Amino acid sequence: MGNREDLLAGARHCLIEKGYAGTTARDIATAAGTSLAAIGYHFRTTRALLDEALYQAMQEWGEELERTLAASAGADATGAERFEAGWSRIIESFARLRPLWAVQFELIASMDRSPELREAFAPANRQARLGLAAIFHRLDPEVDEAKALALGAFYQALLGGLAAQSLVDPAGTPSAAELTDALRTVAEEFATGPGAAQG
């Protein structure tokens, strides 16, 4: 690996060990086995390096999820089967990626005090929505971008809510089967109306 890759690996290690706000340039340089000057040379700022390391980690998670779903829910799977298979993998990943989710919530909490951070993550947030729509619906954003963004926002809301629950109460996080049943109930109420569902 070169210095740039070493720095990204060191930054990811520090994000997991110390969190975003608790990581210093010296921490990263020590973990990476590089000089402090290397951070400025390759990334200009420590924050830019941390942002890139976090973005890469979450992008890798998305790619891993997409591969896993393609293998576990075949082309002939129903929408409900794809939904349940997808959320099963996501929920399983929460324990393994707990530190990365904790860092994301740390960043979200600080965005009101850091407009540049919000601006830096806005494109990644949009890309995440499009990616989720592609994973769960095989929807090409170039064909119907507005629909892909809306569906992606729905899945992103589920994802963020489940991640928060898994951080606060891992044992109480709903299963993929429970989510699927809940979604069926909501869909039935939409289709038939609450009066018919209660009757």
N, C-alpha and C. Protein backbone atom coordinates (compact mmCIF):
# COMPACT_ATOMS: atom_id res chain seq x y z
N MET A 1 0.85 -1.20 0.00
CA MET A 1 0.00 0.00 0.00
C MET A 1 0.88 1.25 0.00
N GLY A 2 0.38 2.31 -0.63
CA GLY A 2 1.06 3.59 -0.59
C GLY A 2 0.60 4.39 0.61
N ASN A 3 1.19 5.57 0.77
CA ASN A 3 0.83 6.43 1.90
C ASN A 3 -0.65 6.76 1.95
N ARG A 4 -1.24 7.02 0.78
CA ARG A 4 -2.65 7.39 0.75
C ARG A 4 -3.53 6.26 1.28
N GLU A 5 -3.26 5.05 0.83
CA GLU A 5 -4.05 3.90 1.28
C GLU A 5 -3.79 3.61 2.76
N ASP A 6 -2.53 3.77 3.18
CA ASP A 6 -2.19 3.58 4.60
C ASP A 6 -2.96 4.58 5.47
N LEU A 7 -3.05 5.82 5.00
CA LEU A 7 -3.78 6.84 5.76
C LEU A 7 -5.26 6.51 5.86
N LEU A 8 -5.84 6.05 4.76
CA LEU A 8 -7.26 5.68 4.79
C LEU A 8 -7.50 4.52 5.74
N ALA A 9 -6.61 3.52 5.72
CA ALA A 9 -6.73 2.38 6.63
C ALA A 9 -6.56 2.85 8.07
N GLY A 10 -5.60 3.72 8.31
CA GLY A 10 -5.37 4.25 9.66
C GLY A 10 -6.55 5.07 10.14
N ALA A 11 -7.13 5.87 9.24
CA ALA A 11 -8.28 6.70 9.60
C ALA A 11 -9.48 5.83 9.95
N ARG A 12 -9.68 4.75 9.18
CA ARG A 12 -10.81 3.86 9.48
C ARG A 12 -10.62 3.20 10.85
N HIS A 13 -9.40 2.76 11.12
CA HIS A 13 -9.10 2.16 12.43
C HIS A 13 -9.41 3.16 13.55
N CYS A 14 -9.00 4.41 13.37
CA CYS A 14 -9.22 5.43 14.40
C CYS A 14 -10.70 5.76 14.55
N LEU A 15 -11.44 5.80 13.45
CA LEU A 15 -12.88 6.04 13.53
C LEU A 15 -13.55 5.00 14.41
N ILE A 16 -13.15 3.75 14.25
CA ILE A 16 -13.74 2.66 15.03
C ILE A 16 -13.31 2.74 16.49
N GLU A 17 -12.04 3.06 16.72
CA GLU A 17 -11.50 3.06 18.08
C GLU A 17 -11.85 4.33 18.87
N LYS A 18 -11.85 5.48 18.21
CA LYS A 18 -11.96 6.75 18.92
C LYS A 18 -13.15 7.62 18.53
N GLY A 19 -13.84 7.25 17.43
CA GLY A 19 -14.92 8.10 16.94
C GLY A 19 -14.40 9.24 16.09
N TYR A 20 -15.31 10.00 15.53
CA TYR A 20 -14.94 11.08 14.60
C TYR A 20 -14.29 12.24 15.34
N ALA A 21 -15.01 12.76 16.35
CA ALA A 21 -14.51 13.94 17.08
C ALA A 21 -13.27 13.62 17.90
N GLY A 22 -13.12 12.35 18.32
CA GLY A 22 -12.00 12.00 19.18
C GLY A 22 -10.72 11.66 18.45
N THR A 23 -10.76 11.65 17.12
CA THR A 23 -9.58 11.28 16.34
C THR A 23 -8.78 12.52 15.95
N THR A 24 -7.47 12.47 16.19
CA THR A 24 -6.58 13.58 15.81
C THR A 24 -5.71 13.16 14.62
N ALA A 25 -5.10 14.15 14.02
CA ALA A 25 -4.18 13.88 12.91
C ALA A 25 -3.05 12.98 13.38
N ARG A 26 -2.56 13.23 14.59
CA ARG A 26 -1.47 12.40 15.12
C ARG A 26 -1.90 10.94 15.31
N ASP A 27 -3.15 10.75 15.76
CA ASP A 27 -3.67 9.38 15.90
C ASP A 27 -3.62 8.64 14.57
N ILE A 28 -4.07 9.33 13.52
CA ILE A 28 -4.12 8.70 12.19
C ILE A 28 -2.72 8.41 11.68
N ALA A 29 -1.83 9.39 11.81
CA ALA A 29 -0.46 9.21 11.32
C ALA A 29 0.21 8.04 12.04
N THR A 30 -0.02 7.92 13.35
CA THR A 30 0.57 6.81 14.12
C THR A 30 -0.01 5.48 13.65
N ALA A 31 -1.34 5.42 13.49
CA ALA A 31 -1.98 4.18 13.05
C ALA A 31 -1.54 3.79 11.64
N ALA A 32 -1.30 4.79 10.81
CA ALA A 32 -0.93 4.53 9.41
C ALA A 32 0.56 4.31 9.23
N GLY A 33 1.37 4.69 10.23
CA GLY A 33 2.82 4.59 10.09
C GLY A 33 3.38 5.60 9.12
N THR A 34 2.75 6.79 9.06
CA THR A 34 3.20 7.84 8.14
C THR A 34 3.48 9.12 8.94
N SER A 35 3.94 10.12 8.26
CA SER A 35 4.17 11.41 8.90
C SER A 35 2.89 12.23 8.91
N LEU A 36 2.84 13.22 9.78
CA LEU A 36 1.70 14.15 9.80
C LEU A 36 1.59 14.89 8.46
N ALA A 37 2.72 15.20 7.88
CA ALA A 37 2.72 15.96 6.62
C ALA A 37 2.02 15.18 5.50
N ALA A 38 2.03 13.85 5.59
CA ALA A 38 1.40 13.04 4.54
C ALA A 38 -0.10 13.30 4.47
N ILE A 39 -0.72 13.62 5.61
CA ILE A 39 -2.16 13.91 5.60
C ILE A 39 -2.43 15.14 4.77
N GLY A 40 -1.66 16.20 5.00
CA GLY A 40 -1.83 17.42 4.23
C GLY A 40 -1.54 17.23 2.75
N TYR A 41 -0.54 16.41 2.46
CA TYR A 41 -0.16 16.20 1.07
C TYR A 41 -1.26 15.47 0.30
N HIS A 42 -1.83 14.43 0.92
CA HIS A 42 -2.80 13.59 0.21
C HIS A 42 -4.25 14.06 0.36
N PHE A 43 -4.57 14.71 1.49
CA PHE A 43 -5.99 15.02 1.75
C PHE A 43 -6.25 16.48 2.13
N ARG A 44 -5.21 17.24 2.31
CA ARG A 44 -5.29 18.65 2.73
C ARG A 44 -5.65 18.80 4.20
N THR A 45 -6.74 18.14 4.66
CA THR A 45 -7.13 18.27 6.06
C THR A 45 -7.45 16.90 6.67
N THR A 46 -7.37 16.85 7.99
CA THR A 46 -7.72 15.61 8.70
C THR A 46 -9.20 15.29 8.50
N ARG A 47 -10.04 16.31 8.51
CA ARG A 47 -11.47 16.09 8.33
C ARG A 47 -11.76 15.48 6.96
N ALA A 48 -11.10 15.98 5.93
CA ALA A 48 -11.31 15.42 4.58
C ALA A 48 -10.90 13.95 4.54
N LEU A 49 -9.82 13.60 5.24
CA LEU A 49 -9.38 12.21 5.30
C LEU A 49 -10.40 11.34 6.04
N LEU A 50 -10.89 11.81 7.18
CA LEU A 50 -11.89 11.07 7.94
C LEU A 50 -13.17 10.89 7.13
N ASP A 51 -13.60 11.95 6.45
CA ASP A 51 -14.81 11.86 5.63
C ASP A 51 -14.65 10.80 4.54
N GLU A 52 -13.49 10.81 3.89
CA GLU A 52 -13.24 9.84 2.81
C GLU A 52 -13.20 8.42 3.36
N ALA A 53 -12.58 8.24 4.51
CA ALA A 53 -12.50 6.90 5.11
C ALA A 53 -13.89 6.38 5.47
N LEU A 54 -14.72 7.23 6.03
CA LEU A 54 -16.08 6.82 6.40
C LEU A 54 -16.91 6.53 5.15
N TYR A 55 -16.79 7.40 4.16
CA TYR A 55 -17.54 7.21 2.91
C TYR A 55 -17.15 5.89 2.25
N GLN A 56 -15.85 5.60 2.21
CA GLN A 56 -15.39 4.34 1.60
C GLN A 56 -15.91 3.13 2.35
N ALA A 57 -15.90 3.22 3.68
CA ALA A 57 -16.37 2.09 4.49
C ALA A 57 -17.84 1.81 4.23
N MET A 58 -18.66 2.85 4.16
CA MET A 58 -20.09 2.65 3.93
C MET A 58 -20.36 2.24 2.48
N GLN A 59 -19.54 2.71 1.56
CA GLN A 59 -19.69 2.29 0.16
C GLN A 59 -19.37 0.80 0.02
N GLU A 60 -18.33 0.35 0.70
CA GLU A 60 -17.97 -1.07 0.68
C GLU A 60 -19.09 -1.91 1.29
N TRP A 61 -19.71 -1.39 2.36
CA TRP A 61 -20.83 -2.10 2.99
C TRP A 61 -21.98 -2.23 1.99
N GLY A 62 -22.29 -1.16 1.26
CA GLY A 62 -23.36 -1.20 0.27
C GLY A 62 -23.07 -2.20 -0.84
N GLU A 63 -21.82 -2.25 -1.30
CA GLU A 63 -21.44 -3.19 -2.36
C GLU A 63 -21.52 -4.63 -1.85
N GLU A 64 -21.09 -4.84 -0.61
CA GLU A 64 -21.17 -6.18 0.00
C GLU A 64 -22.62 -6.61 0.13
N LEU A 65 -23.48 -5.68 0.55
CA LEU A 65 -24.90 -5.98 0.69
C LEU A 65 -25.50 -6.34 -0.66
N GLU A 66 -25.16 -5.59 -1.68
CA GLU A 66 -25.71 -5.85 -3.02
C GLU A 66 -25.31 -7.23 -3.52
N ARG A 67 -24.04 -7.60 -3.31
CA ARG A 67 -23.58 -8.94 -3.73
C ARG A 67 -24.31 -10.04 -2.95
N THR A 68 -24.45 -9.83 -1.65
CA THR A 68 -25.11 -10.83 -0.80
C THR A 68 -26.56 -11.01 -1.21
N LEU A 69 -27.24 -9.90 -1.49
CA LEU A 69 -28.64 -9.99 -1.88
C LEU A 69 -28.80 -10.68 -3.22
N ALA A 70 -27.90 -10.39 -4.13
CA ALA A 70 -27.99 -11.02 -5.45
C ALA A 70 -27.86 -12.54 -5.32
N ALA A 71 -27.05 -12.99 -4.36
CA ALA A 71 -26.85 -14.42 -4.18
C ALA A 71 -27.99 -15.07 -3.40
N SER A 72 -28.57 -14.33 -2.43
CA SER A 72 -29.56 -14.95 -1.55
C SER A 72 -30.99 -14.84 -2.08
N ALA A 73 -31.28 -13.80 -2.84
CA ALA A 73 -32.63 -13.62 -3.39
C ALA A 73 -32.49 -13.57 -4.91
N GLY A 74 -32.76 -14.69 -5.57
CA GLY A 74 -32.54 -14.82 -7.00
C GLY A 74 -33.46 -13.95 -7.83
N ALA A 75 -33.27 -14.03 -9.13
CA ALA A 75 -34.04 -13.19 -10.06
C ALA A 75 -35.53 -13.47 -10.00
N ASP A 76 -35.91 -14.68 -9.58
CA ASP A 76 -37.33 -15.03 -9.53
C ASP A 76 -37.95 -14.77 -8.15
N ALA A 77 -37.21 -14.16 -7.23
CA ALA A 77 -37.73 -13.88 -5.89
C ALA A 77 -38.83 -12.82 -5.96
N THR A 78 -39.83 -12.96 -5.09
CA THR A 78 -40.89 -11.96 -5.02
C THR A 78 -40.35 -10.71 -4.32
N GLY A 79 -41.11 -9.63 -4.40
CA GLY A 79 -40.71 -8.41 -3.70
C GLY A 79 -40.58 -8.63 -2.21
N ALA A 80 -41.52 -9.37 -1.62
CA ALA A 80 -41.48 -9.65 -0.18
C ALA A 80 -40.24 -10.47 0.18
N GLU A 81 -39.89 -11.42 -0.68
CA GLU A 81 -38.70 -12.25 -0.42
C GLU A 81 -37.42 -11.42 -0.50
N ARG A 82 -37.36 -10.54 -1.49
CA ARG A 82 -36.19 -9.65 -1.60
C ARG A 82 -36.12 -8.72 -0.39
N PHE A 83 -37.28 -8.19 0.02
CA PHE A 83 -37.33 -7.28 1.16
C PHE A 83 -36.81 -7.99 2.42
N GLU A 84 -37.34 -9.18 2.69
CA GLU A 84 -36.95 -9.89 3.91
C GLU A 84 -35.49 -10.32 3.86
N ALA A 85 -35.04 -10.81 2.71
CA ALA A 85 -33.63 -11.22 2.58
C ALA A 85 -32.71 -10.02 2.79
N GLY A 86 -33.07 -8.90 2.21
CA GLY A 86 -32.25 -7.70 2.34
C GLY A 86 -32.15 -7.22 3.77
N TRP A 87 -33.29 -7.14 4.44
CA TRP A 87 -33.25 -6.62 5.81
C TRP A 87 -32.64 -7.62 6.78
N SER A 88 -32.74 -8.90 6.46
CA SER A 88 -32.05 -9.89 7.28
C SER A 88 -30.55 -9.63 7.25
N ARG A 89 -29.99 -9.39 6.06
CA ARG A 89 -28.55 -9.12 5.93
C ARG A 89 -28.18 -7.80 6.61
N ILE A 90 -29.01 -6.80 6.44
CA ILE A 90 -28.72 -5.50 7.05
C ILE A 90 -28.69 -5.62 8.57
N ILE A 91 -29.69 -6.26 9.14
CA ILE A 91 -29.76 -6.40 10.60
C ILE A 91 -28.57 -7.20 11.12
N GLU A 92 -28.18 -8.26 10.38
CA GLU A 92 -27.00 -9.04 10.77
C GLU A 92 -25.74 -8.17 10.77
N SER A 93 -25.68 -7.20 9.86
CA SER A 93 -24.47 -6.38 9.74
C SER A 93 -24.35 -5.34 10.84
N PHE A 94 -25.44 -5.02 11.53
CA PHE A 94 -25.38 -3.97 12.54
C PHE A 94 -24.35 -4.27 13.63
N ALA A 95 -24.32 -5.51 14.12
CA ALA A 95 -23.37 -5.85 15.19
C ALA A 95 -21.93 -5.71 14.70
N ARG A 96 -21.69 -6.19 13.48
CA ARG A 96 -20.32 -6.14 12.92
C ARG A 96 -19.87 -4.71 12.65
N LEU A 97 -20.81 -3.87 12.21
CA LEU A 97 -20.46 -2.50 11.82
C LEU A 97 -20.92 -1.46 12.85
N ARG A 98 -21.19 -1.91 14.06
CA ARG A 98 -21.69 -1.00 15.10
C ARG A 98 -20.85 0.29 15.23
N PRO A 99 -19.51 0.20 15.26
CA PRO A 99 -18.73 1.44 15.39
C PRO A 99 -18.95 2.42 14.24
N LEU A 100 -19.12 1.91 13.01
CA LEU A 100 -19.33 2.80 11.88
C LEU A 100 -20.69 3.50 11.97
N TRP A 101 -21.72 2.77 12.42
CA TRP A 101 -23.03 3.40 12.60
C TRP A 101 -22.97 4.43 13.72
N ALA A 102 -22.24 4.13 14.79
CA ALA A 102 -22.11 5.09 15.89
C ALA A 102 -21.45 6.38 15.39
N VAL A 103 -20.43 6.25 14.54
CA VAL A 103 -19.77 7.43 13.98
C VAL A 103 -20.75 8.24 13.13
N GLN A 104 -21.57 7.56 12.33
CA GLN A 104 -22.53 8.28 11.49
C GLN A 104 -23.51 9.10 12.34
N PHE A 105 -23.99 8.50 13.44
CA PHE A 105 -24.90 9.25 14.30
C PHE A 105 -24.18 10.40 15.00
N GLU A 106 -22.91 10.19 15.33
CA GLU A 106 -22.10 11.27 15.90
C GLU A 106 -22.03 12.44 14.92
N LEU A 107 -21.82 12.13 13.65
CA LEU A 107 -21.73 13.18 12.63
C LEU A 107 -23.07 13.88 12.43
N ILE A 108 -24.15 13.10 12.38
CA ILE A 108 -25.48 13.69 12.20
C ILE A 108 -25.77 14.69 13.31
N ALA A 109 -25.40 14.33 14.55
CA ALA A 109 -25.65 15.20 15.70
C ALA A 109 -24.87 16.50 15.61
N SER A 110 -23.75 16.49 14.89
CA SER A 110 -22.92 17.70 14.83
C SER A 110 -23.15 18.53 13.58
N MET A 111 -24.04 18.10 12.67
CA MET A 111 -24.18 18.79 11.40
C MET A 111 -24.75 20.19 11.51
N ASP A 112 -25.58 20.44 12.51
CA ASP A 112 -26.10 21.80 12.67
C ASP A 112 -25.00 22.79 12.99
N ARG A 113 -23.93 22.32 13.60
CA ARG A 113 -22.81 23.20 13.94
C ARG A 113 -21.73 23.18 12.86
N SER A 114 -21.96 22.40 11.80
CA SER A 114 -20.94 22.26 10.77
C SER A 114 -21.58 22.20 9.39
N PRO A 115 -21.97 23.36 8.84
CA PRO A 115 -22.60 23.38 7.52
C PRO A 115 -21.74 22.74 6.43
N GLU A 116 -20.41 22.85 6.55
CA GLU A 116 -19.54 22.26 5.53
C GLU A 116 -19.61 20.74 5.57
N LEU A 117 -19.84 20.18 6.76
CA LEU A 117 -19.99 18.73 6.88
C LEU A 117 -21.29 18.28 6.21
N ARG A 118 -22.36 19.04 6.45
CA ARG A 118 -23.63 18.73 5.80
C ARG A 118 -23.49 18.79 4.29
N GLU A 119 -22.79 19.81 3.82
CA GLU A 119 -22.61 19.98 2.37
C GLU A 119 -21.76 18.85 1.79
N ALA A 120 -20.77 18.39 2.55
CA ALA A 120 -19.90 17.33 2.06
C ALA A 120 -20.64 16.00 1.96
N PHE A 121 -21.58 15.76 2.87
CA PHE A 121 -22.26 14.46 2.89
C PHE A 121 -23.56 14.45 2.09
N ALA A 122 -24.01 15.59 1.63
CA ALA A 122 -25.25 15.64 0.85
C ALA A 122 -25.17 14.77 -0.41
N PRO A 123 -24.10 14.85 -1.21
CA PRO A 123 -24.03 13.99 -2.40
C PRO A 123 -24.00 12.50 -2.05
N ALA A 124 -23.30 12.14 -0.96
CA ALA A 124 -23.24 10.73 -0.54
C ALA A 124 -24.61 10.25 -0.09
N ASN A 125 -25.36 11.13 0.57
CA ASN A 125 -26.71 10.80 1.02
C ASN A 125 -27.62 10.52 -0.18
N ARG A 126 -27.51 11.35 -1.19
CA ARG A 126 -28.31 11.17 -2.41
C ARG A 126 -27.94 9.86 -3.10
N GLN A 127 -26.64 9.59 -3.18
CA GLN A 127 -26.17 8.36 -3.82
C GLN A 127 -26.64 7.13 -3.06
N ALA A 128 -26.68 7.24 -1.73
CA ALA A 128 -27.16 6.12 -0.91
C ALA A 128 -28.62 5.82 -1.21
N ARG A 129 -29.43 6.85 -1.39
CA ARG A 129 -30.85 6.64 -1.72
C ARG A 129 -31.00 5.92 -3.06
N LEU A 130 -30.25 6.36 -4.04
CA LEU A 130 -30.32 5.73 -5.36
C LEU A 130 -29.84 4.28 -5.28
N GLY A 131 -28.81 4.05 -4.49
CA GLY A 131 -28.29 2.70 -4.33
C GLY A 131 -29.28 1.77 -3.67
N LEU A 132 -29.98 2.26 -2.64
CA LEU A 132 -30.98 1.43 -1.96
C LEU A 132 -32.14 1.09 -2.89
N ALA A 133 -32.55 2.05 -3.71
CA ALA A 133 -33.62 1.78 -4.68
C ALA A 133 -33.18 0.73 -5.69
N ALA A 134 -31.92 0.78 -6.09
CA ALA A 134 -31.40 -0.21 -7.04
C ALA A 134 -31.31 -1.59 -6.40
N ILE A 135 -30.89 -1.65 -5.14
CA ILE A 135 -30.74 -2.94 -4.45
C ILE A 135 -32.08 -3.62 -4.26
N PHE A 136 -33.07 -2.86 -3.77
CA PHE A 136 -34.33 -3.49 -3.40
C PHE A 136 -35.33 -3.57 -4.55
N HIS A 137 -35.20 -2.70 -5.55
CA HIS A 137 -36.17 -2.70 -6.64
C HIS A 137 -35.54 -2.86 -8.01
N ARG A 138 -34.22 -2.99 -8.04
CA ARG A 138 -33.52 -3.06 -9.32
C ARG A 138 -33.96 -1.91 -10.23
N LEU A 139 -34.11 -0.75 -9.61
CA LEU A 139 -34.62 0.42 -10.31
C LEU A 139 -33.46 1.24 -10.85
N ASP A 140 -33.45 1.48 -12.14
CA ASP A 140 -32.41 2.29 -12.76
C ASP A 140 -32.74 3.76 -12.56
N PRO A 141 -31.91 4.50 -11.80
CA PRO A 141 -32.22 5.91 -11.54
C PRO A 141 -32.25 6.77 -12.79
N GLU A 142 -31.58 6.32 -13.85
CA GLU A 142 -31.58 7.12 -15.08
C GLU A 142 -32.93 7.02 -15.78
N VAL A 143 -33.68 5.96 -15.50
CA VAL A 143 -35.00 5.80 -16.10
C VAL A 143 -36.03 6.63 -15.35
N ASP A 144 -36.01 6.57 -14.02
CA ASP A 144 -36.98 7.32 -13.21
C ASP A 144 -36.29 7.76 -11.92
N GLU A 145 -35.54 8.83 -12.01
CA GLU A 145 -34.75 9.30 -10.88
C GLU A 145 -35.62 9.72 -9.71
N ALA A 146 -36.73 10.41 -9.98
CA ALA A 146 -37.59 10.89 -8.89
C ALA A 146 -38.15 9.71 -8.09
N LYS A 147 -38.58 8.67 -8.80
CA LYS A 147 -39.12 7.49 -8.11
C LYS A 147 -38.02 6.79 -7.32
N ALA A 148 -36.83 6.68 -7.91
CA ALA A 148 -35.71 6.04 -7.22
C ALA A 148 -35.35 6.80 -5.95
N LEU A 149 -35.34 8.12 -6.00
CA LEU A 149 -35.01 8.92 -4.82
C LEU A 149 -36.08 8.76 -3.74
N ALA A 150 -37.34 8.72 -4.13
CA ALA A 150 -38.42 8.57 -3.15
C ALA A 150 -38.37 7.20 -2.48
N LEU A 151 -38.20 6.15 -3.28
CA LEU A 151 -38.08 4.81 -2.70
C LEU A 151 -36.83 4.69 -1.83
N GLY A 152 -35.74 5.26 -2.31
CA GLY A 152 -34.50 5.23 -1.53
C GLY A 152 -34.64 5.94 -0.21
N ALA A 153 -35.37 7.04 -0.19
CA ALA A 153 -35.60 7.78 1.06
C ALA A 153 -36.39 6.94 2.05
N PHE A 154 -37.37 6.17 1.53
CA PHE A 154 -38.15 5.28 2.39
C PHE A 154 -37.23 4.23 3.04
N TYR A 155 -36.40 3.60 2.22
CA TYR A 155 -35.49 2.58 2.76
C TYR A 155 -34.44 3.20 3.68
N GLN A 156 -34.03 4.41 3.36
CA GLN A 156 -33.06 5.09 4.20
C GLN A 156 -33.65 5.40 5.58
N ALA A 157 -34.93 5.76 5.60
CA ALA A 157 -35.61 6.01 6.88
C ALA A 157 -35.67 4.73 7.71
N LEU A 158 -36.00 3.61 7.06
CA LEU A 158 -36.00 2.32 7.76
C LEU A 158 -34.60 1.98 8.27
N LEU A 159 -33.62 2.19 7.42
CA LEU A 159 -32.24 1.86 7.77
C LEU A 159 -31.76 2.67 8.97
N GLY A 160 -31.99 3.98 8.92
CA GLY A 160 -31.55 4.83 10.02
C GLY A 160 -32.26 4.50 11.32
N GLY A 161 -33.56 4.23 11.22
CA GLY A 161 -34.33 3.88 12.42
C GLY A 161 -33.86 2.56 13.02
N LEU A 162 -33.63 1.57 12.17
CA LEU A 162 -33.15 0.28 12.67
C LEU A 162 -31.74 0.38 13.24
N ALA A 163 -30.90 1.17 12.59
CA ALA A 163 -29.53 1.35 13.10
C ALA A 163 -29.58 1.99 14.48
N ALA A 164 -30.44 2.99 14.65
CA ALA A 164 -30.57 3.64 15.96
C ALA A 164 -31.06 2.65 17.00
N GLN A 165 -32.07 1.85 16.65
CA GLN A 165 -32.58 0.85 17.59
C GLN A 165 -31.51 -0.17 17.96
N SER A 166 -30.71 -0.57 16.98
CA SER A 166 -29.68 -1.58 17.25
C SER A 166 -28.59 -1.03 18.17
N LEU A 167 -28.33 0.28 18.08
CA LEU A 167 -27.34 0.89 18.97
C LEU A 167 -27.87 1.00 20.39
N VAL A 168 -29.15 1.36 20.52
CA VAL A 168 -29.75 1.58 21.84
C VAL A 168 -30.17 0.26 22.50
N ASP A 169 -30.78 -0.63 21.71
CA ASP A 169 -31.36 -1.86 22.27
C ASP A 169 -31.18 -3.00 21.27
N PRO A 170 -29.97 -3.55 21.17
CA PRO A 170 -29.71 -4.58 20.16
C PRO A 170 -30.68 -5.76 20.24
N ALA A 171 -31.00 -6.19 21.45
CA ALA A 171 -31.89 -7.35 21.61
C ALA A 171 -33.32 -7.04 21.19
N GLY A 172 -33.70 -5.76 21.22
CA GLY A 172 -35.06 -5.38 20.87
C GLY A 172 -35.25 -4.97 19.43
N THR A 173 -34.19 -5.02 18.64
CA THR A 173 -34.31 -4.65 17.22
C THR A 173 -35.19 -5.67 16.51
N PRO A 174 -36.21 -5.20 15.76
CA PRO A 174 -37.11 -6.15 15.08
C PRO A 174 -36.36 -6.99 14.05
N SER A 175 -36.86 -8.19 13.82
CA SER A 175 -36.26 -9.07 12.82
C SER A 175 -36.76 -8.68 11.43
N ALA A 176 -36.11 -9.24 10.42
CA ALA A 176 -36.54 -9.00 9.04
C ALA A 176 -37.95 -9.53 8.81
N ALA A 177 -38.27 -10.68 9.42
CA ALA A 177 -39.62 -11.25 9.27
C ALA A 177 -40.66 -10.33 9.90
N GLU A 178 -40.35 -9.75 11.05
CA GLU A 178 -41.28 -8.81 11.69
C GLU A 178 -41.48 -7.56 10.85
N LEU A 179 -40.41 -7.07 10.26
CA LEU A 179 -40.53 -5.91 9.37
C LEU A 179 -41.40 -6.23 8.16
N THR A 180 -41.20 -7.40 7.60
CA THR A 180 -41.99 -7.82 6.43
C THR A 180 -43.46 -7.91 6.78
N ASP A 181 -43.78 -8.50 7.93
CA ASP A 181 -45.17 -8.59 8.37
C ASP A 181 -45.77 -7.20 8.60
N ALA A 182 -44.98 -6.31 9.19
CA ALA A 182 -45.46 -4.95 9.43
C ALA A 182 -45.75 -4.24 8.11
N LEU A 183 -44.86 -4.42 7.14
CA LEU A 183 -45.06 -3.78 5.84
C LEU A 183 -46.31 -4.33 5.15
N ARG A 184 -46.54 -5.64 5.28
CA ARG A 184 -47.76 -6.23 4.70
C ARG A 184 -49.00 -5.61 5.32
N THR A 185 -48.98 -5.40 6.63
CA THR A 185 -50.13 -4.81 7.32
C THR A 185 -50.39 -3.39 6.81
N VAL A 186 -49.32 -2.62 6.66
CA VAL A 186 -49.47 -1.25 6.14
C VAL A 186 -50.01 -1.29 4.71
N ALA A 187 -49.47 -2.18 3.88
CA ALA A 187 -49.92 -2.29 2.49
C ALA A 187 -51.38 -2.70 2.41
N GLU A 188 -51.79 -3.62 3.27
CA GLU A 188 -53.20 -4.05 3.28
C GLU A 188 -54.12 -2.90 3.67
N GLU A 189 -53.68 -2.10 4.63
CA GLU A 189 -54.51 -0.95 5.03
C GLU A 189 -54.60 0.07 3.91
N PHE A 190 -53.51 0.26 3.20
CA PHE A 190 -53.54 1.17 2.05
C PHE A 190 -54.50 0.65 0.99
N ALA A 191 -54.49 -0.67 0.78
CA ALA A 191 -55.28 -1.27 -0.30
C ALA A 191 -56.76 -1.34 0.04
N THR A 192 -57.07 -1.61 1.31
CA THR A 192 -58.48 -1.88 1.66
C THR A 192 -59.08 -0.83 2.58
N GLY A 193 -58.27 -0.02 3.21
CA GLY A 193 -58.79 0.98 4.15
C GLY A 193 -58.80 0.42 5.57
N PRO A 194 -58.62 1.28 6.57
CA PRO A 194 -58.53 0.82 7.95
C PRO A 194 -59.80 0.15 8.44
N GLY A 195 -60.94 0.56 7.96
CA GLY A 195 -62.20 -0.06 8.40
C GLY A 195 -62.26 -1.52 8.01
N ALA A 196 -61.87 -1.82 6.78
CA ALA A 196 -61.89 -3.20 6.32
C ALA A 196 -60.85 -4.03 7.04
N ALA A 197 -59.67 -3.42 7.33
CA ALA A 197 -58.61 -4.16 8.01
C ALA A 197 -59.04 -4.52 9.42
N GLN A 198 -59.77 -3.62 10.10
CA GLN A 198 -60.22 -3.88 11.46
C GLN A 198 -61.39 -4.88 11.48
N GLY A 199 -62.23 -4.84 10.46
CA GLY A 199 -63.37 -5.71 10.40
C GLY A 199 -62.96 -7.10 10.06
